[in-house]
Amino acid sequence: MTQWLRVSPYTIPAILEDGKFKTQIETGTSLNAIVDTDLRSQKDGGNVVYGYLCNTLTGAATHGHDAILNEYGQAAIRLNESVTARTTFTIADSLYQAVAPVQFSEDALPENIDEILPYVEAQYHGGVTVADIAEVVFQVYEDQKAPQRIIDLLQAHGIACSINYVQE
């Protein structure tokens, strides 16, 4: 399983400037529109960056439609193996389910996980920095253009980029 994050391509310049990915507590926002940041702080101490695990080379969901991941952004960021030691995962949504995160390893995942879920929630502890980025894969649909300015910026920082042209 590969470790990924999703962001909007248009937040990438700010990530590069800050040198890191911010937590939901730092940004005060979440896809789930968390109103009570205390709930997230109680769950994870407020210092976890959320992403996902999947077995695709593009960061797309392993089956089904990619729409749920695209809600987080169309820039799929593959992380270096160096984050593995500080990665945990849950099979369910960690915010609303009473599940305990498990230390990530290939052996810890169910053998047929790709058949069960299109992706698995991952929690990255201790921060995620720009140095942790292995590659950025842009999910570009038929009616969209690739964000060339963002691609140029990433390449200027020495970060590999590719485009996954998605057929709907």
Protein backbone atom coordinates (compact mmCIF):
# COMPACT_ATOMS: atom_id res chain seq x y z
CA MET A 1 0.00 0.00 0.00
CA THR A 2 1.23 3.44 -0.87
CA GLN A 3 0.84 6.43 1.44
CA TRP A 4 -0.97 9.44 -0.01
CA LEU A 5 -2.47 12.84 0.80
CA ARG A 6 -4.99 14.81 -1.23
CA VAL A 7 -5.03 18.58 -1.53
CA SER A 8 -6.33 21.17 -3.92
CA PRO A 9 -3.66 21.99 -6.49
CA TYR A 10 -4.10 25.63 -5.54
CA THR A 11 -2.95 25.06 -1.94
CA ILE A 12 0.38 23.65 -3.12
CA PRO A 13 2.16 27.05 -3.31
CA ALA A 14 1.26 27.70 0.34
CA ILE A 15 2.47 24.21 1.32
CA LEU A 16 5.77 24.82 -0.45
CA GLU A 17 6.11 28.23 1.23
CA ASP A 18 5.31 26.83 4.70
CA GLY A 19 7.49 23.77 4.11
CA LYS A 20 4.83 21.48 5.58
CA PHE A 21 1.26 20.27 5.47
CA LYS A 22 -0.89 21.80 8.17
CA THR A 23 -3.13 19.78 10.46
CA GLN A 24 -6.88 20.32 10.62
CA ILE A 25 -6.36 22.12 13.92
CA GLU A 26 -3.83 24.51 12.35
CA THR A 27 -6.07 25.34 9.40
CA GLY A 28 -9.33 25.28 11.34
CA THR A 29 -10.95 23.46 8.42
CA SER A 30 -11.88 19.95 7.39
CA LEU A 31 -13.84 18.34 4.60
CA ASN A 32 -16.32 17.34 7.28
CA ALA A 33 -16.60 21.01 8.25
CA ILE A 34 -15.54 20.31 11.80
CA VAL A 35 -17.22 22.88 13.97
CA ASP A 36 -15.75 21.64 17.22
CA THR A 37 -11.99 21.50 16.84
CA ASP A 38 -11.90 20.17 20.40
CA LEU A 39 -13.35 16.89 19.11
CA ARG A 40 -10.41 16.41 16.72
CA SER A 41 -7.93 17.49 19.41
CA GLN A 42 -9.39 14.92 21.79
CA LYS A 43 -9.11 12.19 19.14
CA ASP A 44 -5.55 12.80 17.96
CA GLY A 45 -4.00 15.52 20.09
CA GLY A 46 -4.35 17.94 17.18
CA ASN A 47 -1.02 17.08 15.56
CA VAL A 48 -1.95 14.52 12.92
CA VAL A 49 -2.08 15.01 9.15
CA TYR A 50 -4.73 12.83 7.51
CA GLY A 51 -4.34 10.98 4.24
CA TYR A 52 -4.98 7.56 2.82
CA LEU A 53 -3.45 4.28 1.73
CA CYS A 54 -4.18 2.70 -1.65
CA ASN A 55 -2.60 0.37 -4.18
CA THR A 56 -2.69 2.52 -7.29
CA LEU A 57 0.18 4.30 -9.01
CA THR A 58 -1.94 7.41 -9.52
CA GLY A 59 -3.43 7.91 -6.07
CA ALA A 60 -6.89 7.15 -7.45
CA ALA A 61 -9.27 4.92 -5.55
CA THR A 62 -8.67 1.22 -6.18
CA HIS A 63 -12.26 0.69 -7.32
CA GLY A 64 -15.39 2.74 -7.66
CA HIS A 65 -15.45 6.41 -8.45
CA ASP A 66 -12.70 8.75 -7.29
CA ALA A 67 -15.24 11.40 -6.25
CA ILE A 68 -14.79 10.92 -2.50
CA LEU A 69 -11.03 11.47 -2.72
CA ASN A 70 -11.50 14.40 -5.09
CA GLU A 71 -13.49 16.16 -2.38
CA TYR A 72 -10.14 16.57 -0.62
CA GLY A 73 -8.49 17.83 -3.82
CA GLN A 74 -7.32 16.65 -7.20
CA ALA A 75 -3.61 16.69 -6.34
CA ALA A 76 -2.66 13.23 -5.06
CA ILE A 77 0.58 13.46 -3.13
CA ARG A 78 2.55 10.25 -2.82
CA LEU A 79 4.73 10.24 0.28
CA ASN A 80 8.21 8.81 0.69
CA GLU A 81 8.69 5.53 2.51
CA SER A 82 10.31 7.54 5.31
CA VAL A 83 6.85 8.34 6.73
CA THR A 84 5.96 4.65 7.20
CA ALA A 85 7.32 4.51 10.76
CA ARG A 86 5.02 7.36 11.80
CA THR A 87 1.92 6.17 9.95
CA THR A 88 -1.14 4.59 11.54
CA PHE A 89 -4.38 3.63 9.83
CA THR A 90 -8.01 2.88 10.52
CA ILE A 91 -10.46 0.94 8.38
CA ALA A 92 -13.21 3.43 9.27
CA ASP A 93 -13.42 7.21 9.64
CA SER A 94 -11.41 7.95 12.77
CA LEU A 95 -13.34 11.08 13.67
CA TYR A 96 -16.80 9.58 13.97
CA GLN A 97 -16.09 5.91 14.63
CA ALA A 98 -14.79 4.37 17.83
CA VAL A 99 -11.75 2.80 16.22
CA ALA A 100 -8.18 2.70 17.45
CA PRO A 101 -5.47 3.46 14.89
CA VAL A 102 -3.09 0.59 14.09
CA GLN A 103 0.60 1.01 13.25
CA PHE A 104 0.92 0.76 9.47
CA SER A 105 2.66 -2.20 7.89
CA GLU A 106 1.68 -4.33 4.93
CA ASP A 107 1.12 -7.26 7.29
CA ALA A 108 -1.31 -5.27 9.45
CA LEU A 109 -3.77 -4.76 6.57
CA PRO A 110 -6.39 -7.36 5.66
CA GLU A 111 -5.19 -9.41 2.67
CA ASN A 112 -8.14 -8.48 0.44
CA ILE A 113 -8.42 -4.82 1.49
CA ASP A 114 -8.56 -3.58 -2.12
CA GLU A 115 -11.69 -5.65 -2.67
CA ILE A 116 -13.34 -4.24 0.44
CA LEU A 117 -12.46 -0.54 0.34
CA PRO A 118 -11.29 1.86 -2.38
CA TYR A 119 -8.82 3.37 0.12
CA VAL A 120 -7.94 3.26 3.83
CA GLU A 121 -7.67 6.30 6.11
CA ALA A 122 -4.08 7.01 7.19
CA GLN A 123 -2.83 9.21 10.00
CA TYR A 124 0.65 10.73 9.69
CA HIS A 125 2.15 11.61 13.07
CA GLY A 126 4.92 14.10 13.74
CA GLY A 127 4.14 16.30 10.76
CA VAL A 128 4.51 15.92 7.02
CA THR A 129 7.00 18.21 5.31
CA VAL A 130 7.78 19.05 1.69
CA ALA A 131 10.81 16.74 2.02
CA ASP A 132 8.35 13.85 2.55
CA ILE A 133 6.84 14.29 -0.94
CA ALA A 134 7.87 11.62 -3.46
CA GLU A 135 5.56 12.74 -6.27
CA VAL A 136 2.43 14.74 -7.03
CA VAL A 137 -0.11 13.19 -9.40
CA PHE A 138 -2.78 15.54 -10.73
CA GLN A 139 -6.17 13.99 -11.39
CA VAL A 140 -7.30 15.78 -14.56
CA TYR A 141 -10.72 15.12 -16.07
CA GLU A 142 -11.74 15.46 -19.72
CA ASP A 143 -13.10 18.99 -19.34
CA GLN A 144 -10.13 20.28 -17.33
CA LYS A 145 -6.66 21.59 -18.04
CA ALA A 146 -3.61 20.49 -16.11
CA PRO A 147 -2.48 23.15 -13.59
CA GLN A 148 0.72 23.94 -15.49
CA ARG A 149 1.78 26.83 -13.23
CA ILE A 150 1.61 24.52 -10.20
CA ILE A 151 3.45 21.76 -12.05
CA ASP A 152 6.22 24.22 -13.00
CA LEU A 153 6.47 25.37 -9.38
CA LEU A 154 6.78 21.81 -8.08
CA GLN A 155 9.40 20.96 -10.67
CA ALA A 156 11.35 24.08 -9.71
CA HIS A 157 11.42 22.60 -6.17
CA GLY A 158 12.69 19.28 -7.52
CA ILE A 159 9.41 17.45 -6.93
CA ALA A 160 8.32 14.89 -9.52
CA CYS A 161 4.91 15.44 -11.11
CA SER A 162 2.64 13.50 -13.41
CA ILE A 163 -0.88 13.74 -14.73
CA ASN A 164 -3.55 11.06 -14.48
CA TYR A 165 -6.05 11.82 -17.24
CA VAL A 166 -9.31 10.45 -15.88
CA GLN A 167 -12.04 9.18 -18.20
CA GLU A 168 -15.53 9.67 -16.79
